[in-house]
Amino acid sequence: MGQIYARRAVSGFMPVRGALVFRTQEGLTQQGFSTRGIDGIFGRGTQAALTAFQHDSGLPNSGAMDEDTWPVLFPTSEKPTDFDLALALTSTFEGHGFQKAVGNFDGAGVTWGIIGFTLAGGELAKVLSAIDSNTSDTLDRAFGAMASELRDVLTRPRADQITWADGISLGAQKLHLREDWASGFARLGATEAAQNAQIDRARTKYWSIAQRDADRYDLTDPPGRALCFDIAVQNGGINEGPQIQKALAEEIDPTPQRRREIIAEQVALGSRKLYQEDVRSRKMTLATGQGTVHGGRFNTADWGITDLVSDNDTRTPPL
């Protein structure tokens, strides 16, 4: 069996989910193999359908989506890349999906989309502008009469944008958006145009940062690149400074995992104290291959993110 892209997690670990699983479920369904629903979650139904497809195709019956199965199910499509796998896991950590938008609970104004594009950071405006440029009526269909207001907001100074966002944020913590705006962002996120724009921005902005940092700190294996991508999304990238270089220099020829652990710890220590434990849990999960993030246990090998030399977990959950 070649490289795994996604597999059913064993009991106690978070299930693999995301666009790659949706694609797999759709492909299997079109071939006549029922996954018991197309929900983007790699569960028993998806595993059983994949196993049946592999059996009929003369492939090893792993029940996992791997590099041998992908070209048989999708003969005209390119295989998933390190970016695709890293995006699936980081977007699950973020917890927004393509559609969810939240309010000004953290000073970011509005946060929306697969990796949490924010109004305060300017990324939300870039994604919305890209959608509007590529398909001029998509915002109108999603927001109706509010689309013109949204377009106007995007032209205002950043401080005015945050004031506007605060005005449509509800609750003591300002976490929720007013229902009409929340529904509009949900409708927008369900469109192919919006999903493509979100993925393109994630690749153009954050994967570029991840590639730079991976090369700079010798984190070029799949777990290292995934770690750098999560750092780019949550922390803006690895801040080049003497502390990281000192920590790395204190160990003689660290293994790739140990190198990831050092970077993970230094990034956590460089974060705001309020968020250090959240940052540490995410980064150490990617550095070591297993961990708990937001209350859920993750095994990154289930998501195809692993050092193939050191990953000895070849188990297949029972049907």
C-alpha atoms as a PDB file:
ATOM      1  CA  MET A   1       0.000   0.000   0.000  1.00  0.00           C
ATOM      2  CA  GLY A   2       1.353   3.422  -0.968  1.00  0.00           C
ATOM      3  CA  GLN A   3       1.015   6.722   0.808  1.00  0.00           C
ATOM      4  CA  ILE A   4      -2.273   7.129   2.655  1.00  0.00           C
ATOM      5  CA  TYR A   5      -4.245  10.317   2.055  1.00  0.00           C
ATOM      6  CA  ALA A   6      -7.124   9.587   4.429  1.00  0.00           C
ATOM      7  CA  ARG A   7      -8.399   6.660   6.473  1.00  0.00           C
ATOM      8  CA  ARG A   8     -10.986   5.899   9.106  1.00  0.00           C
ATOM      9  CA  ALA A   9      -9.693   6.763  12.569  1.00  0.00           C
ATOM     10  CA  VAL A  10      -9.850   4.188  15.325  1.00  0.00           C
ATOM     11  CA  SER A  11     -12.081   4.763  18.351  1.00  0.00           C
ATOM     12  CA  GLY A  12     -11.047   7.717  20.464  1.00  0.00           C
ATOM     13  CA  PHE A  13      -9.527   9.775  17.641  1.00  0.00           C
ATOM     14  CA  MET A  14     -11.164  12.524  15.621  1.00  0.00           C
ATOM     15  CA  PRO A  15     -12.499  11.367  12.237  1.00  0.00           C
ATOM     16  CA  VAL A  16     -10.862  12.637   9.082  1.00  0.00           C
ATOM     17  CA  ARG A  17     -13.039  15.175   7.299  1.00  0.00           C
ATOM     18  CA  GLY A  18     -12.927  17.809   4.607  1.00  0.00           C
ATOM     19  CA  ALA A  19     -12.926  18.368   0.861  1.00  0.00           C
ATOM     20  CA  LEU A  20     -10.836  15.289   0.036  1.00  0.00           C
ATOM     21  CA  VAL A  21     -13.318  13.050   1.860  1.00  0.00           C
ATOM     22  CA  PHE A  22     -16.258  14.747   0.109  1.00  0.00           C
ATOM     23  CA  ARG A  23     -14.537  14.111  -3.216  1.00  0.00           C
ATOM     24  CA  THR A  24     -13.900  10.471  -2.310  1.00  0.00           C
ATOM     25  CA  GLN A  25     -17.527   9.925  -1.275  1.00  0.00           C
ATOM     26  CA  GLU A  26     -18.840  11.546  -4.447  1.00  0.00           C
ATOM     27  CA  GLY A  27     -16.507   9.477  -6.631  1.00  0.00           C
ATOM     28  CA  LEU A  28     -17.463   6.214  -4.945  1.00  0.00           C
ATOM     29  CA  THR A  29     -21.176   7.040  -5.127  1.00  0.00           C
ATOM     30  CA  GLN A  30     -20.907   7.799  -8.840  1.00  0.00           C
ATOM     31  CA  GLN A  31     -19.259   4.399  -9.330  1.00  0.00           C
ATOM     32  CA  GLY A  32     -22.166   2.701  -7.559  1.00  0.00           C
ATOM     33  CA  PHE A  33     -20.542   2.171  -4.147  1.00  0.00           C
ATOM     34  CA  SER A  34     -22.712   3.628  -1.383  1.00  0.00           C
ATOM     35  CA  THR A  35     -20.879   5.514   1.380  1.00  0.00           C
ATOM     36  CA  ARG A  36     -24.127   5.858   3.384  1.00  0.00           C
ATOM     37  CA  GLY A  37     -24.185   9.585   2.787  1.00  0.00           C
ATOM     38  CA  ILE A  38     -21.946  12.325   1.423  1.00  0.00           C
ATOM     39  CA  ASP A  39     -21.020  14.322   4.507  1.00  0.00           C
ATOM     40  CA  GLY A  40     -17.266  14.819   4.233  1.00  0.00           C
ATOM     41  CA  ILE A  41     -16.571  12.562   7.238  1.00  0.00           C
ATOM     42  CA  PHE A  42     -14.518   9.380   6.790  1.00  0.00           C
ATOM     43  CA  GLY A  43     -16.628   6.849   8.694  1.00  0.00           C
ATOM     44  CA  ARG A  44     -17.632   3.204   8.440  1.00  0.00           C
ATOM     45  CA  GLY A  45     -19.683   3.728   5.283  1.00  0.00           C
ATOM     46  CA  THR A  46     -16.821   5.371   3.422  1.00  0.00           C
ATOM     47  CA  GLN A  47     -14.378   2.694   4.551  1.00  0.00           C
ATOM     48  CA  ALA A  48     -16.718  -0.106   3.470  1.00  0.00           C
ATOM     49  CA  ALA A  49     -17.356   1.497   0.070  1.00  0.00           C
ATOM     50  CA  LEU A  50     -13.629   2.021  -0.514  1.00  0.00           C
ATOM     51  CA  THR A  51     -12.870  -1.577   0.433  1.00  0.00           C
ATOM     52  CA  ALA A  52     -15.502  -2.841  -2.009  1.00  0.00           C
ATOM     53  CA  PHE A  53     -14.193  -0.568  -4.767  1.00  0.00           C
ATOM     54  CA  GLN A  54     -10.628  -1.719  -4.147  1.00  0.00           C
ATOM     55  CA  HIS A  55     -11.701  -5.373  -4.227  1.00  0.00           C
ATOM     56  CA  ASP A  56     -13.510  -4.944  -7.536  1.00  0.00           C
ATOM     57  CA  SER A  57     -10.552  -3.004  -8.973  1.00  0.00           C
ATOM     58  CA  GLY A  58      -7.936  -5.578  -8.008  1.00  0.00           C
ATOM     59  CA  LEU A  59      -6.329  -3.279  -5.433  1.00  0.00           C
ATOM     60  CA  PRO A  60      -5.190  -4.079  -1.879  1.00  0.00           C
ATOM     61  CA  ASN A  61      -8.305  -3.962   0.308  1.00  0.00           C
ATOM     62  CA  SER A  62      -7.024  -1.359   2.766  1.00  0.00           C
ATOM     63  CA  GLY A  63     -10.231   0.632   3.117  1.00  0.00           C
ATOM     64  CA  ALA A  64      -8.084   3.784   3.017  1.00  0.00           C
ATOM     65  CA  MET A  65      -7.761   6.362   0.282  1.00  0.00           C
ATOM     66  CA  ASP A  66      -4.149   5.940  -0.825  1.00  0.00           C
ATOM     67  CA  GLU A  67      -1.888   6.714  -3.766  1.00  0.00           C
ATOM     68  CA  ASP A  68      -2.749   3.406  -5.449  1.00  0.00           C
ATOM     69  CA  THR A  69      -6.516   3.870  -5.173  1.00  0.00           C
ATOM     70  CA  TRP A  70      -6.746   7.551  -6.108  1.00  0.00           C
ATOM     71  CA  PRO A  71      -5.737   7.257  -9.810  1.00  0.00           C
ATOM     72  CA  VAL A  72      -8.115   4.322 -10.312  1.00  0.00           C
ATOM     73  CA  LEU A  73     -11.074   6.194  -8.824  1.00  0.00           C
ATOM     74  CA  PHE A  74     -10.021   9.541 -10.360  1.00  0.00           C
ATOM     75  CA  PRO A  75      -8.000   8.668 -13.496  1.00  0.00           C
ATOM     76  CA  THR A  76      -7.933  12.238 -14.836  1.00  0.00           C
ATOM     77  CA  SER A  77      -7.205  14.075 -11.574  1.00  0.00           C
ATOM     78  CA  GLU A  78      -3.904  14.891  -9.935  1.00  0.00           C
ATOM     79  CA  LYS A  79      -3.162  13.201  -6.623  1.00  0.00           C
ATOM     80  CA  PRO A  80      -3.603  15.185  -3.389  1.00  0.00           C
ATOM     81  CA  THR A  81      -0.589  17.282  -2.449  1.00  0.00           C
ATOM     82  CA  ASP A  82       1.038  18.084   0.892  1.00  0.00           C
ATOM     83  CA  PHE A  83      -0.916  21.350   0.774  1.00  0.00           C
ATOM     84  CA  ASP A  84      -4.250  19.530   0.412  1.00  0.00           C
ATOM     85  CA  LEU A  85      -3.490  17.296   3.407  1.00  0.00           C
ATOM     86  CA  ALA A  86      -2.233  20.145   5.596  1.00  0.00           C
ATOM     87  CA  LEU A  87      -5.264  22.278   4.722  1.00  0.00           C
ATOM     88  CA  ALA A  88      -7.668  19.495   5.722  1.00  0.00           C
ATOM     89  CA  LEU A  89      -6.145  19.165   9.191  1.00  0.00           C
ATOM     90  CA  THR A  90      -5.567  22.855   9.941  1.00  0.00           C
ATOM     91  CA  SER A  91      -9.074  23.755   8.760  1.00  0.00           C
ATOM     92  CA  THR A  92     -10.435  21.139  11.170  1.00  0.00           C
ATOM     93  CA  PHE A  93      -8.454  22.735  13.993  1.00  0.00           C
ATOM     94  CA  GLU A  94      -9.920  26.117  12.992  1.00  0.00           C
ATOM     95  CA  GLY A  95     -13.420  24.657  12.965  1.00  0.00           C
ATOM     96  CA  HIS A  96     -15.107  27.037  10.529  1.00  0.00           C
ATOM     97  CA  GLY A  97     -15.469  25.009   7.362  1.00  0.00           C
ATOM     98  CA  PHE A  98     -16.197  26.960   4.195  1.00  0.00           C
ATOM     99  CA  GLN A  99     -19.400  28.514   5.525  1.00  0.00           C
ATOM    100  CA  LYS A 100     -19.222  29.520   9.179  1.00  0.00           C
ATOM    101  CA  ALA A 101     -18.699  33.168  10.122  1.00  0.00           C
ATOM    102  CA  VAL A 102     -18.291  34.552  13.646  1.00  0.00           C
ATOM    103  CA  GLY A 103     -18.347  38.040  15.076  1.00  0.00           C
ATOM    104  CA  ASN A 104     -15.955  40.445  16.737  1.00  0.00           C
ATOM    105  CA  PHE A 105     -15.229  38.341  19.837  1.00  0.00           C
ATOM    106  CA  ASP A 106     -11.452  38.721  19.496  1.00  0.00           C
ATOM    107  CA  GLY A 107     -11.076  42.089  17.799  1.00  0.00           C
ATOM    108  CA  ALA A 108     -10.776  40.496  14.349  1.00  0.00           C
ATOM    109  CA  GLY A 109     -14.088  41.950  13.166  1.00  0.00           C
ATOM    110  CA  VAL A 110     -15.596  39.092  11.172  1.00  0.00           C
ATOM    111  CA  THR A 111     -13.884  35.707  10.790  1.00  0.00           C
ATOM    112  CA  TRP A 112     -15.077  33.410   7.994  1.00  0.00           C
ATOM    113  CA  GLY A 113     -14.028  30.457   5.950  1.00  0.00           C
ATOM    114  CA  ILE A 114     -11.915  27.354   5.874  1.00  0.00           C
ATOM    115  CA  ILE A 115      -8.941  28.757   7.791  1.00  0.00           C
ATOM    116  CA  GLY A 116     -10.623  31.741   9.412  1.00  0.00           C
ATOM    117  CA  PHE A 117     -10.031  34.722   7.125  1.00  0.00           C
ATOM    118  CA  THR A 118     -10.394  37.885   9.212  1.00  0.00           C
ATOM    119  CA  LEU A 119     -11.559  41.398   8.478  1.00  0.00           C
ATOM    120  CA  ALA A 120      -8.903  42.891  10.778  1.00  0.00           C
ATOM    121  CA  GLY A 121      -6.111  41.041   9.013  1.00  0.00           C
ATOM    122  CA  GLY A 122      -7.314  42.105   5.576  1.00  0.00           C
ATOM    123  CA  GLU A 123      -7.615  38.529   4.324  1.00  0.00           C
ATOM    124  CA  LEU A 124     -11.425  38.430   4.396  1.00  0.00           C
ATOM    125  CA  ALA A 125     -11.585  41.461   2.136  1.00  0.00           C
ATOM    126  CA  LYS A 126      -9.126  39.870  -0.300  1.00  0.00           C
ATOM    127  CA  VAL A 127     -11.164  36.669  -0.531  1.00  0.00           C
ATOM    128  CA  LEU A 128     -14.478  38.497  -0.933  1.00  0.00           C
ATOM    129  CA  SER A 129     -13.011  40.804  -3.570  1.00  0.00           C
ATOM    130  CA  ALA A 130     -11.636  37.800  -5.476  1.00  0.00           C
ATOM    131  CA  ILE A 131     -15.069  36.163  -5.449  1.00  0.00           C
ATOM    132  CA  ASP A 132     -16.708  39.378  -6.643  1.00  0.00           C
ATOM    133  CA  SER A 133     -14.163  39.840  -9.422  1.00  0.00           C
ATOM    134  CA  ASN A 134     -14.396  36.265 -10.690  1.00  0.00           C
ATOM    135  CA  THR A 135     -18.195  35.890 -10.483  1.00  0.00           C
ATOM    136  CA  SER A 136     -19.865  39.259 -10.113  1.00  0.00           C
ATOM    137  CA  ASP A 137     -23.291  37.973  -9.067  1.00  0.00           C
ATOM    138  CA  THR A 138     -22.193  35.514  -6.367  1.00  0.00           C
ATOM    139  CA  LEU A 139     -22.275  38.061  -3.539  1.00  0.00           C
ATOM    140  CA  ASP A 140     -25.679  39.303  -4.723  1.00  0.00           C
ATOM    141  CA  ARG A 141     -27.132  35.796  -4.650  1.00  0.00           C
ATOM    142  CA  ALA A 142     -25.709  35.119  -1.190  1.00  0.00           C
ATOM    143  CA  PHE A 143     -26.489  38.428   0.513  1.00  0.00           C
ATOM    144  CA  GLY A 144     -29.335  39.886  -1.538  1.00  0.00           C
ATOM    145  CA  ALA A 145     -29.885  43.569  -0.802  1.00  0.00           C
ATOM    146  CA  MET A 146     -27.048  43.506   1.778  1.00  0.00           C
ATOM    147  CA  ALA A 147     -24.431  42.865  -0.923  1.00  0.00           C
ATOM    148  CA  SER A 148     -24.083  46.568  -1.732  1.00  0.00           C
ATOM    149  CA  GLU A 149     -23.515  47.330   1.969  1.00  0.00           C
ATOM    150  CA  LEU A 150     -20.829  44.667   2.143  1.00  0.00           C
ATOM    151  CA  ARG A 151     -19.071  46.004  -0.949  1.00  0.00           C
ATOM    152  CA  ASP A 152     -19.125  49.497   0.550  1.00  0.00           C
ATOM    153  CA  VAL A 153     -17.692  48.241   3.865  1.00  0.00           C
ATOM    154  CA  LEU A 154     -14.758  46.665   2.034  1.00  0.00           C
ATOM    155  CA  THR A 155     -13.742  50.086   0.657  1.00  0.00           C
ATOM    156  CA  ARG A 156     -13.647  51.767   4.093  1.00  0.00           C
ATOM    157  CA  PRO A 157     -10.622  52.227   6.384  1.00  0.00           C
ATOM    158  CA  ARG A 158      -9.883  49.230   8.593  1.00  0.00           C
ATOM    159  CA  ALA A 159     -11.084  50.957  11.784  1.00  0.00           C
ATOM    160  CA  ASP A 160     -14.461  51.661  10.168  1.00  0.00           C
ATOM    161  CA  GLN A 161     -14.697  48.036   9.046  1.00  0.00           C
ATOM    162  CA  ILE A 162     -14.181  46.818  12.621  1.00  0.00           C
ATOM    163  CA  THR A 163     -16.790  49.266  13.919  1.00  0.00           C
ATOM    164  CA  TRP A 164     -19.250  47.899  11.355  1.00  0.00           C
ATOM    165  CA  ALA A 165     -18.426  44.317  12.331  1.00  0.00           C
ATOM    166  CA  ASP A 166     -18.921  45.120  15.992  1.00  0.00           C
ATOM    167  CA  GLY A 167     -22.366  46.470  15.178  1.00  0.00           C
ATOM    168  CA  ILE A 168     -23.506  43.179  13.620  1.00  0.00           C
ATOM    169  CA  SER A 169     -21.920  41.021  16.358  1.00  0.00           C
ATOM    170  CA  LEU A 170     -24.215  39.694  19.077  1.00  0.00           C
ATOM    171  CA  GLY A 171     -23.944  38.404  22.637  1.00  0.00           C
ATOM    172  CA  ALA A 172     -21.858  39.422  25.607  1.00  0.00           C
ATOM    173  CA  GLN A 173     -18.741  38.019  23.953  1.00  0.00           C
ATOM    174  CA  LYS A 174     -19.670  39.294  20.467  1.00  0.00           C
ATOM    175  CA  LEU A 175     -19.153  35.752  19.148  1.00  0.00           C
ATOM    176  CA  HIS A 176     -22.212  35.441  16.935  1.00  0.00           C
ATOM    177  CA  LEU A 177     -23.183  37.439  13.880  1.00  0.00           C
ATOM    178  CA  ARG A 178     -26.662  38.805  13.297  1.00  0.00           C
ATOM    179  CA  GLU A 179     -28.659  36.017  11.671  1.00  0.00           C
ATOM    180  CA  ASP A 180     -29.073  37.685   8.278  1.00  0.00           C
ATOM    181  CA  TRP A 181     -25.307  38.156   7.956  1.00  0.00           C
ATOM    182  CA  ALA A 182     -24.491  34.702   9.305  1.00  0.00           C
ATOM    183  CA  SER A 183     -26.889  33.147   6.790  1.00  0.00           C
ATOM    184  CA  GLY A 184     -25.435  35.226   3.968  1.00  0.00           C
ATOM    185  CA  PHE A 185     -21.910  34.071   4.697  1.00  0.00           C
ATOM    186  CA  ALA A 186     -23.154  30.474   4.972  1.00  0.00           C
ATOM    187  CA  ARG A 187     -24.827  30.694   1.550  1.00  0.00           C
ATOM    188  CA  LEU A 188     -21.719  32.264   0.082  1.00  0.00           C
ATOM    189  CA  GLY A 189     -19.451  29.577   1.533  1.00  0.00           C
ATOM    190  CA  ALA A 190     -21.594  26.863  -0.036  1.00  0.00           C
ATOM    191  CA  THR A 191     -20.811  28.101  -3.564  1.00  0.00           C
ATOM    192  CA  GLU A 192     -18.044  26.632  -5.685  1.00  0.00           C
ATOM    193  CA  ALA A 193     -16.737  30.130  -6.432  1.00  0.00           C
ATOM    194  CA  ALA A 194     -16.270  30.931  -2.752  1.00  0.00           C
ATOM    195  CA  GLN A 195     -14.687  27.589  -1.940  1.00  0.00           C
ATOM    196  CA  ASN A 196     -12.224  27.919  -4.801  1.00  0.00           C
ATOM    197  CA  ALA A 197     -11.349  31.461  -3.728  1.00  0.00           C
ATOM    198  CA  GLN A 198     -10.763  30.362  -0.138  1.00  0.00           C
ATOM    199  CA  ILE A 199      -8.495  27.488  -1.180  1.00  0.00           C
ATOM    200  CA  ASP A 200      -6.596  29.690  -3.640  1.00  0.00           C
ATOM    201  CA  ARG A 201      -5.958  32.306  -0.937  1.00  0.00           C
ATOM    202  CA  ALA A 202      -4.863  29.656   1.564  1.00  0.00           C
ATOM    203  CA  ARG A 203      -2.363  28.366  -0.988  1.00  0.00           C
ATOM    204  CA  THR A 204      -1.156  31.736  -2.241  1.00  0.00           C
ATOM    205  CA  LYS A 205      -0.703  33.380   1.152  1.00  0.00           C
ATOM    206  CA  TYR A 206      -0.242  30.776   3.878  1.00  0.00           C
ATOM    207  CA  TRP A 207       1.274  27.857   1.978  1.00  0.00           C
ATOM    208  CA  SER A 208       3.865  30.256   0.550  1.00  0.00           C
ATOM    209  CA  ILE A 209       4.805  31.290   4.101  1.00  0.00           C
ATOM    210  CA  ALA A 210       4.912  27.612   5.112  1.00  0.00           C
ATOM    211  CA  GLN A 211       7.242  26.716   2.225  1.00  0.00           C
ATOM    212  CA  ARG A 212       9.586  29.566   3.140  1.00  0.00           C
ATOM    213  CA  ASP A 213       9.744  28.528   6.799  1.00  0.00           C
ATOM    214  CA  ALA A 214      10.077  24.822   5.986  1.00  0.00           C
ATOM    215  CA  ASP A 215      13.127  25.544   3.846  1.00  0.00           C
ATOM    216  CA  ARG A 216      14.585  27.981   6.386  1.00  0.00           C
ATOM    217  CA  TYR A 217      14.342  25.576   9.338  1.00  0.00           C
ATOM    218  CA  ASP A 218      14.845  22.255   7.528  1.00  0.00           C
ATOM    219  CA  LEU A 219      11.252  21.088   8.080  1.00  0.00           C
ATOM    220  CA  THR A 220      10.753  19.746   4.577  1.00  0.00           C
ATOM    221  CA  ASP A 221       9.115  16.377   5.292  1.00  0.00           C
ATOM    222  CA  PRO A 222       5.276  16.210   5.177  1.00  0.00           C
ATOM    223  CA  PRO A 223       4.826  16.684   8.973  1.00  0.00           C
ATOM    224  CA  GLY A 224       7.263  19.588   8.915  1.00  0.00           C
ATOM    225  CA  ARG A 225       5.448  21.345   6.089  1.00  0.00           C
ATOM    226  CA  ALA A 226       2.091  20.734   7.767  1.00  0.00           C
ATOM    227  CA  LEU A 227       3.481  22.216  10.996  1.00  0.00           C
ATOM    228  CA  CYS A 228       4.747  25.271   9.122  1.00  0.00           C
ATOM    229  CA  PHE A 229       1.359  25.709   7.437  1.00  0.00           C
ATOM    230  CA  ASP A 230      -0.475  25.609  10.769  1.00  0.00           C
ATOM    231  CA  ILE A 231       1.989  28.142  12.179  1.00  0.00           C
ATOM    232  CA  ALA A 232       1.416  30.384   9.140  1.00  0.00           C
ATOM    233  CA  VAL A 233      -2.362  30.243   9.610  1.00  0.00           C
ATOM    234  CA  GLN A 234      -2.497  30.626  13.399  1.00  0.00           C
ATOM    235  CA  ASN A 235       0.632  32.688  14.060  1.00  0.00           C
ATOM    236  CA  GLY A 236       1.518  34.367  10.765  1.00  0.00           C
ATOM    237  CA  GLY A 237       4.686  32.303  10.274  1.00  0.00           C
ATOM    238  CA  ILE A 238       7.808  31.501  12.273  1.00  0.00           C
ATOM    239  CA  ASN A 239       9.353  34.699  13.618  1.00  0.00           C
ATOM    240  CA  GLU A 240      13.055  34.565  12.843  1.00  0.00           C
ATOM    241  CA  GLY A 241      14.955  35.291  16.026  1.00  0.00           C
ATOM    242  CA  PRO A 242      17.808  34.236  18.302  1.00  0.00           C
ATOM    243  CA  GLN A 243      15.650  32.122  20.624  1.00  0.00           C
ATOM    244  CA  ILE A 244      14.758  29.578  17.957  1.00  0.00           C
ATOM    245  CA  GLN A 245      18.313  29.365  16.669  1.00  0.00           C
ATOM    246  CA  LYS A 246      19.630  29.001  20.235  1.00  0.00           C
ATOM    247  CA  ALA A 247      17.144  26.230  21.032  1.00  0.00           C
ATOM    248  CA  LEU A 248      18.095  24.338  17.870  1.00  0.00           C
ATOM    249  CA  ALA A 249      21.804  24.791  18.511  1.00  0.00           C
ATOM    250  CA  GLU A 250      21.524  23.292  21.988  1.00  0.00           C
ATOM    251  CA  GLU A 251      20.896  19.843  20.500  1.00  0.00           C
ATOM    252  CA  ILE A 252      23.396  17.931  18.391  1.00  0.00           C
ATOM    253  CA  ASP A 253      21.899  16.635  15.146  1.00  0.00           C
ATOM    254  CA  PRO A 254      18.263  16.469  16.311  1.00  0.00           C
ATOM    255  CA  THR A 255      15.940  13.998  14.574  1.00  0.00           C
ATOM    256  CA  PRO A 256      13.271  15.472  12.282  1.00  0.00           C
ATOM    257  CA  GLN A 257      10.635  14.945  14.992  1.00  0.00           C
ATOM    258  CA  ARG A 258      12.769  16.558  17.671  1.00  0.00           C
ATOM    259  CA  ARG A 259      13.409  19.495  15.358  1.00  0.00           C
ATOM    260  CA  ARG A 260       9.657  19.902  14.902  1.00  0.00           C
ATOM    261  CA  GLU A 261       9.137  19.733  18.671  1.00  0.00           C
ATOM    262  CA  ILE A 262      11.683  22.487  19.279  1.00  0.00           C
ATOM    263  CA  ILE A 263      10.025  24.746  16.720  1.00  0.00           C
ATOM    264  CA  ALA A 264       6.567  23.963  18.135  1.00  0.00           C
ATOM    265  CA  GLU A 265       7.620  24.873  21.667  1.00  0.00           C
ATOM    266  CA  GLN A 266       9.337  28.089  20.609  1.00  0.00           C
ATOM    267  CA  VAL A 267       6.303  29.202  18.590  1.00  0.00           C
ATOM    268  CA  ALA A 268       4.071  28.539  21.606  1.00  0.00           C
ATOM    269  CA  LEU A 269       6.371  30.498  23.917  1.00  0.00           C
ATOM    270  CA  GLY A 270       6.322  33.385  21.451  1.00  0.00           C
ATOM    271  CA  SER A 271       2.520  33.551  21.462  1.00  0.00           C
ATOM    272  CA  ARG A 272       0.336  35.673  23.710  1.00  0.00           C
ATOM    273  CA  LYS A 273       0.112  34.080  27.151  1.00  0.00           C
ATOM    274  CA  LEU A 274      -3.647  33.680  26.881  1.00  0.00           C
ATOM    275  CA  TYR A 275      -3.267  31.468  23.803  1.00  0.00           C
ATOM    276  CA  GLN A 276      -0.018  29.630  24.570  1.00  0.00           C
ATOM    277  CA  GLU A 277      -1.596  26.323  25.565  1.00  0.00           C
ATOM    278  CA  ASP A 278      -3.857  26.288  22.508  1.00  0.00           C
ATOM    279  CA  VAL A 279      -0.885  27.013  20.253  1.00  0.00           C
ATOM    280  CA  ARG A 280       1.273  24.421  22.016  1.00  0.00           C
ATOM    281  CA  SER A 281      -1.336  21.644  21.744  1.00  0.00           C
ATOM    282  CA  ARG A 282      -1.849  22.248  18.018  1.00  0.00           C
ATOM    283  CA  LYS A 283       1.820  22.500  17.196  1.00  0.00           C
ATOM    284  CA  MET A 284       2.896  19.514  19.319  1.00  0.00           C
ATOM    285  CA  THR A 285       0.166  17.385  17.729  1.00  0.00           C
ATOM    286  CA  LEU A 286       1.698  18.092  14.340  1.00  0.00           C
ATOM    287  CA  ALA A 287       5.247  17.758  15.639  1.00  0.00           C
ATOM    288  CA  THR A 288       4.753  14.357  17.283  1.00  0.00           C
ATOM    289  CA  GLY A 289       1.902  12.886  15.212  1.00  0.00           C
ATOM    290  CA  GLN A 290      -0.656  12.639  18.005  1.00  0.00           C
ATOM    291  CA  GLY A 291      -2.245  15.001  20.492  1.00  0.00           C
ATOM    292  CA  THR A 292      -5.365  16.747  21.738  1.00  0.00           C
ATOM    293  CA  VAL A 293      -6.655  19.934  20.120  1.00  0.00           C
ATOM    294  CA  HIS A 294      -9.798  21.676  21.360  1.00  0.00           C
ATOM    295  CA  GLY A 295     -10.791  18.551  23.274  1.00  0.00           C
ATOM    296  CA  GLY A 296     -10.401  16.125  20.345  1.00  0.00           C
ATOM    297  CA  ARG A 297      -7.616  13.548  19.968  1.00  0.00           C
ATOM    298  CA  PHE A 298      -5.878  13.520  16.600  1.00  0.00           C
ATOM    299  CA  ASN A 299      -3.602  11.034  14.861  1.00  0.00           C
ATOM    300  CA  THR A 300      -2.073  12.938  11.950  1.00  0.00           C
ATOM    301  CA  ALA A 301      -1.289   9.684  10.093  1.00  0.00           C
ATOM    302  CA  ASP A 302      -5.050   9.263   9.592  1.00  0.00           C
ATOM    303  CA  TRP A 303      -4.904  12.507   7.598  1.00  0.00           C
ATOM    304  CA  GLY A 304      -1.962  11.367   5.471  1.00  0.00           C
ATOM    305  CA  ILE A 305       0.511  13.543   7.395  1.00  0.00           C
ATOM    306  CA  THR A 306       3.320  11.283   8.500  1.00  0.00           C
ATOM    307  CA  ASP A 307       6.980  10.502   8.188  1.00  0.00           C
ATOM    308  CA  LEU A 308       6.638   7.314   6.153  1.00  0.00           C
ATOM    309  CA  VAL A 309       9.855   5.948   7.626  1.00  0.00           C
ATOM    310  CA  SER A 310       8.719   6.252  11.223  1.00  0.00           C
ATOM    311  CA  ASP A 311       4.978   5.637  10.872  1.00  0.00           C
ATOM    312  CA  ASN A 312       4.461   2.022  11.857  1.00  0.00           C
ATOM    313  CA  ASP A 313       0.716   2.320  12.347  1.00  0.00           C
ATOM    314  CA  THR A 314      -0.706   0.221   9.538  1.00  0.00           C
ATOM    315  CA  ARG A 315      -3.851  -0.845  11.367  1.00  0.00           C
ATOM    316  CA  THR A 316      -7.177  -0.814   9.544  1.00  0.00           C
ATOM    317  CA  PRO A 317     -10.203  -0.269  11.781  1.00  0.00           C
ATOM    318  CA  PRO A 318     -12.718  -3.143  11.717  1.00  0.00           C
ATOM    319  CA  LEU A 319     -15.763  -2.749   9.497  1.00  0.00           C
END
